[in-house]
């Protein structure tokens, strides 16, 4: 899985990504996320998720703490779901966070979104008991990557 900037060349395709009908109340549209990033730049970074050459998802990352990378939005296109790409996308985000020297990922999830909660828990996120804007806050401590640990 590869993270790439949302640019003039791919933003229309990113906006065209969508979740299943029954997931639409759980995540903002990619158009809204890109607009949020434009308004709140450089704090928010919209990124396209590619599996090989295929655009399969989108994430919006927030950098408001030196130690924590916040996943403000995360989605896998409905046509790419069920193939393990959510986990691969989270792994790519975790690698980016490690490369930036961060020790933790954080995100919020709608309580009724059982599929996302299961994905995040399987990846290693734990619910903190906090609620922010109606979303459950989850955190994931990052272990150093193998190549970074070998350099110590």
Protein backbone atom coordinates (compact mmCIF):
# COMPACT_ATOMS: atom_id res chain seq x y z
CA UNK A 1 0.00 0.00 0.00
CA UNK A 2 1.26 3.43 -0.91
CA UNK A 3 0.23 6.87 0.36
CA UNK A 4 0.30 9.69 -2.19
CA UNK A 5 -0.64 13.36 -2.05
CA UNK A 6 -4.01 14.41 -3.39
CA UNK A 7 -3.10 16.53 -6.41
CA UNK A 8 -4.63 18.13 -9.45
CA UNK A 9 -4.08 14.82 -11.25
CA UNK A 10 -5.99 12.56 -8.85
CA UNK A 11 -8.39 14.67 -6.81
CA UNK A 12 -11.40 13.94 -9.02
CA UNK A 13 -10.79 10.19 -8.68
CA UNK A 14 -10.37 10.58 -4.90
CA UNK A 15 -13.66 12.49 -4.70
CA UNK A 16 -15.27 9.64 -6.66
CA UNK A 17 -14.35 7.03 -4.06
CA UNK A 18 -17.27 5.97 -1.89
CA UNK A 19 -18.14 3.63 0.91
CA UNK A 20 -21.10 1.24 0.90
CA UNK A 21 -24.53 2.81 1.33
CA UNK A 22 -24.85 1.53 4.92
CA UNK A 23 -21.49 3.14 5.85
CA UNK A 24 -22.22 6.66 4.59
CA UNK A 25 -23.33 8.01 7.97
CA UNK A 26 -20.00 6.96 9.51
CA UNK A 27 -17.53 9.01 7.46
CA UNK A 28 -17.50 12.43 5.80
CA UNK A 29 -17.22 12.58 2.04
CA UNK A 30 -13.76 12.89 0.55
CA UNK A 31 -14.83 16.20 -0.98
CA UNK A 32 -15.55 17.59 2.50
CA UNK A 33 -12.24 16.20 3.78
CA UNK A 34 -10.27 17.83 0.97
CA UNK A 35 -12.09 21.13 1.64
CA UNK A 36 -11.31 20.81 5.36
CA UNK A 37 -7.64 20.23 4.51
CA UNK A 38 -7.57 23.30 2.29
CA UNK A 39 -9.08 25.48 5.02
CA UNK A 40 -6.88 24.07 7.81
CA UNK A 41 -3.62 23.60 5.91
CA UNK A 42 -0.88 22.72 6.74
CA UNK A 43 -2.28 21.00 9.86
CA UNK A 44 -4.38 18.56 7.76
CA UNK A 45 -2.97 16.43 4.95
CA UNK A 46 -5.21 14.57 2.49
CA UNK A 47 -3.63 11.41 1.08
CA UNK A 48 -4.75 8.91 -1.53
CA UNK A 49 -4.22 5.21 -0.82
CA UNK A 50 -2.96 3.12 -3.71
CA UNK A 51 -2.66 -0.65 -3.96
CA UNK A 52 -0.22 -1.04 -6.82
CA UNK A 53 -1.52 1.43 -9.40
CA UNK A 54 -5.13 1.18 -8.19
CA UNK A 55 -6.62 4.02 -6.14
CA UNK A 56 -8.44 2.20 -3.33
CA UNK A 57 -8.89 4.64 -0.47
CA UNK A 58 -8.33 7.96 1.21
CA UNK A 59 -7.10 9.28 4.52
CA UNK A 60 -6.90 12.70 6.13
CA UNK A 61 -4.07 13.04 8.63
CA UNK A 62 -3.83 15.69 11.33
CA UNK A 63 -0.57 16.80 12.88
CA UNK A 64 -1.31 18.76 16.03
CA UNK A 65 1.08 16.96 18.37
CA UNK A 66 4.74 16.03 17.91
CA UNK A 67 4.20 12.50 19.25
CA UNK A 68 0.76 11.60 17.87
CA UNK A 69 -0.42 11.30 14.29
CA UNK A 70 -4.20 11.67 14.23
CA UNK A 71 -6.17 9.85 11.54
CA UNK A 72 -9.00 12.35 11.05
CA UNK A 73 -10.58 10.35 8.21
CA UNK A 74 -9.98 6.91 6.74
CA UNK A 75 -11.92 5.06 4.09
CA UNK A 76 -11.55 2.21 1.63
CA UNK A 77 -13.64 2.39 -1.53
CA UNK A 78 -16.63 0.03 -1.55
CA UNK A 79 -15.22 -1.79 -4.61
CA UNK A 80 -11.97 -2.55 -2.74
CA UNK A 81 -13.38 -3.56 0.66
CA UNK A 82 -13.01 -7.09 1.99
CA UNK A 83 -9.49 -7.60 0.58
CA UNK A 84 -7.40 -6.66 3.64
CA UNK A 85 -6.64 -3.20 2.26
CA UNK A 86 -7.87 -1.38 5.37
CA UNK A 87 -5.22 -3.12 7.42
CA UNK A 88 -2.58 -2.39 4.77
CA UNK A 89 -3.62 1.25 4.67
CA UNK A 90 -3.29 1.53 8.45
CA UNK A 91 0.15 -0.11 8.24
CA UNK A 92 1.25 2.48 5.67
CA UNK A 93 0.02 5.28 7.95
CA UNK A 94 1.86 3.71 10.90
CA UNK A 95 5.10 3.58 8.88
CA UNK A 96 4.70 7.25 7.96
CA UNK A 97 4.16 8.12 11.64
CA UNK A 98 7.28 6.17 12.64
CA UNK A 99 9.32 7.87 9.91
CA UNK A 100 8.20 11.21 11.38
CA UNK A 101 9.36 10.09 14.83
CA UNK A 102 5.87 9.73 16.25
CA UNK A 103 5.04 7.13 18.90
CA UNK A 104 1.26 6.90 18.63
CA UNK A 105 -1.70 6.93 16.26
CA UNK A 106 -5.08 8.27 17.33
CA UNK A 107 -8.50 8.35 15.72
CA UNK A 108 -12.19 8.70 16.44
CA UNK A 109 -14.84 6.22 15.37
CA UNK A 110 -18.63 6.40 15.38
CA UNK A 111 -19.79 3.99 18.11
CA UNK A 112 -22.25 2.21 15.77
CA UNK A 113 -19.53 1.50 13.18
CA UNK A 114 -18.81 -2.06 14.30
CA UNK A 115 -16.81 -2.95 11.18
CA UNK A 116 -14.37 -0.05 11.63
CA UNK A 117 -14.09 -0.64 15.38
CA UNK A 118 -13.22 -4.28 14.66
CA UNK A 119 -10.62 -3.32 12.06
CA UNK A 120 -8.98 -0.80 14.36
CA UNK A 121 -8.99 -3.19 17.33
CA UNK A 122 -7.48 -5.98 15.21
CA UNK A 123 -4.74 -3.56 14.14
CA UNK A 124 -3.93 -2.78 17.78
CA UNK A 125 -5.99 0.32 18.58
CA UNK A 126 -7.64 0.41 22.00
CA UNK A 127 -10.62 2.45 23.08
CA UNK A 128 -9.59 5.09 25.63
CA UNK A 129 -13.03 5.69 27.15
CA UNK A 130 -12.94 9.27 25.81
CA UNK A 131 -15.64 10.58 23.51
CA UNK A 132 -14.87 13.51 21.19
CA UNK A 133 -17.61 14.98 19.03
CA UNK A 134 -19.72 11.85 19.53
CA UNK A 135 -16.88 9.56 18.40
CA UNK A 136 -15.03 7.02 20.53
CA UNK A 137 -11.34 7.87 20.77
CA UNK A 138 -8.94 5.02 20.00
CA UNK A 139 -5.15 5.00 20.30
CA UNK A 140 -2.39 2.75 19.09
CA UNK A 141 1.15 2.82 20.51
CA UNK A 142 3.67 2.33 17.74
CA UNK A 143 6.49 -0.13 18.17
CA UNK A 144 9.67 0.96 16.41
CA UNK A 145 9.85 -0.47 12.91
CA UNK A 146 12.29 -3.35 12.37
CA UNK A 147 14.69 -1.33 10.24
CA UNK A 148 14.68 1.57 12.72
CA UNK A 149 15.16 -0.73 15.70
CA UNK A 150 18.14 -2.32 13.99
CA UNK A 151 19.78 1.08 13.69
CA UNK A 152 19.72 1.70 17.45
